[in-house]
Amino acid sequence: MRDKLLKNASSSGVFHLAPARQEAIEKAARHAGFFVARADLGQTSAAPDALRKLGIALHFPDWYGANFDALYDCLTDPDGMPAKGQLLLIDGLAQLQAIAPTDYATLINVFLAAAEARRAMNSAFWVLIDTPTRAIPSFPEA
């Protein structure tokens, strides 16, 4: 049932997912043929470090400039992630939210904009963050 939910591009987007549920969702995504990446941003102090870590975790191309525009460009490039769908598990955002709230808000906005663009391409694109945020809904139950 989770496979079916994950493959539904119109349902995909940015969601909060408690760490205890991540393993099961990751397994379902791999089973569905998704590209799965994990990024731990728990030790980041500002956007440049977080963006660099995301680029490494997501295997972005050499031209990735570790800035918000480049992140959006890479996340929305249909040739950049050729799998059946993408699942990005982002851990440790609470620290970035606490020490650099503006960077945190911008990062979330980039994820939201990229998810909207990918839905328009009918491409399943899930960003699951471990940090509860008022503007981000919880991952739907399958």
Protein backbone atom coordinates (compact mmCIF):
# COMPACT_ATOMS: atom_id res chain seq x y z
CA MET A 1 0.00 0.00 0.00
CA ARG A 2 2.88 2.40 0.75
CA ASP A 3 4.29 1.70 -2.73
CA LYS A 4 1.03 2.91 -4.27
CA LEU A 5 1.03 6.09 -2.17
CA LEU A 6 4.66 6.84 -2.98
CA LYS A 7 4.13 6.38 -6.73
CA ASN A 8 1.24 8.85 -6.74
CA ALA A 9 2.94 12.03 -7.94
CA SER A 10 -0.10 14.18 -7.16
CA SER A 11 0.17 13.26 -3.47
CA SER A 12 3.91 13.82 -3.21
CA GLY A 13 5.51 16.83 -1.59
CA VAL A 14 7.18 17.93 1.62
CA PHE A 15 6.07 16.21 4.83
CA HIS A 16 7.13 15.61 8.39
CA LEU A 17 7.97 11.98 9.14
CA ALA A 18 8.97 10.82 12.60
CA PRO A 19 12.35 9.05 12.63
CA ALA A 20 10.72 5.82 13.87
CA ARG A 21 8.81 5.54 10.56
CA GLN A 22 11.66 6.38 8.21
CA GLU A 23 13.03 2.87 7.72
CA ALA A 24 9.70 1.43 6.54
CA ILE A 25 9.10 4.30 4.10
CA GLU A 26 12.66 4.07 2.79
CA LYS A 27 12.22 0.33 2.19
CA ALA A 28 8.94 0.90 0.34
CA ALA A 29 10.53 3.60 -1.82
CA ARG A 30 13.45 1.37 -2.76
CA HIS A 31 11.00 -1.43 -3.57
CA ALA A 32 9.14 1.00 -5.86
CA GLY A 33 12.37 1.77 -7.76
CA PHE A 34 12.89 5.22 -6.31
CA PHE A 35 16.13 7.09 -5.88
CA VAL A 36 16.51 7.38 -2.10
CA ALA A 37 18.87 9.78 -0.37
CA ARG A 38 19.47 10.64 3.25
CA ALA A 39 21.00 13.89 4.45
CA ASP A 40 21.87 14.56 8.07
CA LEU A 41 21.95 18.30 8.63
CA GLY A 42 22.22 18.02 12.40
CA GLN A 43 25.67 19.56 12.63
CA THR A 44 25.11 22.43 10.21
CA SER A 45 25.49 26.01 11.32
CA ALA A 46 24.14 27.88 8.29
CA ALA A 47 22.81 27.47 4.78
CA PRO A 48 26.15 27.00 2.96
CA ASP A 49 27.01 23.95 5.05
CA ALA A 50 23.49 22.50 4.75
CA LEU A 51 23.47 23.05 0.98
CA ARG A 52 26.88 21.43 0.60
CA LYS A 53 25.73 18.37 2.57
CA LEU A 54 22.57 18.12 0.48
CA GLY A 55 24.60 18.25 -2.73
CA ILE A 56 26.80 15.40 -1.53
CA ALA A 57 23.88 13.26 -0.33
CA LEU A 58 21.93 13.80 -3.54
CA HIS A 59 24.93 13.23 -5.83
CA PHE A 60 24.45 16.57 -7.56
CA PRO A 61 26.63 17.40 -10.60
CA ASP A 62 29.89 19.30 -10.36
CA TRP A 63 28.23 22.54 -11.44
CA TYR A 64 26.04 22.58 -8.31
CA GLY A 65 26.91 25.84 -6.59
CA ALA A 66 25.61 25.01 -3.10
CA ASN A 67 23.14 27.89 -3.11
CA PHE A 68 19.35 27.91 -2.98
CA ASP A 69 18.89 28.60 -6.71
CA ALA A 70 21.20 25.73 -7.64
CA LEU A 71 19.39 23.43 -5.19
CA TYR A 72 16.08 24.23 -6.85
CA ASP A 73 17.58 23.73 -10.32
CA CYS A 74 18.99 20.33 -9.40
CA LEU A 75 15.83 19.17 -7.65
CA THR A 76 13.66 20.09 -10.63
CA ASP A 77 15.94 18.82 -13.41
CA PRO A 78 14.06 15.84 -14.88
CA ASP A 79 17.31 14.43 -16.26
CA GLY A 80 19.08 14.75 -12.92
CA MET A 81 17.14 12.01 -11.14
CA PRO A 82 16.02 9.44 -13.70
CA ALA A 83 14.54 6.90 -11.25
CA LYS A 84 10.80 6.22 -11.04
CA GLY A 85 10.59 8.72 -8.20
CA GLN A 86 12.66 10.38 -5.51
CA LEU A 87 12.58 10.16 -1.74
CA LEU A 88 14.74 12.55 0.25
CA LEU A 89 14.99 11.89 3.98
CA ILE A 90 16.29 14.99 5.73
CA ASP A 91 17.36 14.64 9.36
CA GLY A 92 18.61 17.20 11.86
CA LEU A 93 16.79 20.29 10.65
CA ALA A 94 15.93 21.34 14.20
CA GLN A 95 19.43 22.70 14.69
CA LEU A 96 19.33 24.77 11.50
CA GLN A 97 15.87 26.01 12.47
CA ALA A 98 17.17 27.10 15.89
CA ILE A 99 20.40 28.82 14.82
CA ALA A 100 19.52 30.10 11.35
CA PRO A 101 15.73 30.41 11.10
CA THR A 102 15.84 32.45 7.89
CA ASP A 103 18.04 29.85 6.17
CA TYR A 104 15.73 27.12 7.46
CA ALA A 105 12.63 28.88 6.10
CA THR A 106 14.29 29.43 2.72
CA LEU A 107 15.34 25.78 2.53
CA ILE A 108 11.79 24.62 3.29
CA ASN A 109 10.44 27.03 0.66
CA VAL A 110 12.86 25.63 -1.93
CA PHE A 111 11.73 22.09 -1.11
CA LEU A 112 8.07 23.16 -1.40
CA ALA A 113 8.64 24.92 -4.74
CA ALA A 114 10.60 21.95 -6.12
CA ALA A 115 7.86 19.55 -5.03
CA GLU A 116 5.24 21.69 -6.77
CA ALA A 117 7.32 21.76 -9.96
CA ARG A 118 7.84 18.00 -9.86
CA ARG A 119 4.10 17.38 -9.35
CA ALA A 120 3.48 19.49 -12.46
CA MET A 121 5.84 17.11 -14.31
CA ASN A 122 3.88 14.14 -12.89
CA SER A 123 7.03 13.02 -11.10
CA ALA A 124 6.81 11.52 -7.61
CA PHE A 125 9.07 13.63 -5.39
CA TRP A 126 8.97 13.26 -1.62
CA VAL A 127 10.94 15.30 0.89
CA LEU A 128 10.47 13.91 4.38
CA ILE A 129 11.87 15.95 7.25
CA ASP A 130 12.29 14.82 10.83
CA THR A 131 11.51 18.23 12.33
CA PRO A 132 7.86 19.08 12.94
CA THR A 133 6.98 22.44 11.44
CA ARG A 134 3.63 24.18 11.57
CA ALA A 135 3.51 24.72 7.79
CA ILE A 136 4.47 21.12 6.92
CA PRO A 137 1.86 18.36 7.23
CA SER A 138 2.64 14.90 8.55
CA PHE A 139 3.31 12.14 6.05
CA PRO A 140 -0.01 10.53 5.10
CA GLU A 141 -0.85 7.13 6.48
CA ALA A 142 -1.00 4.49 3.79
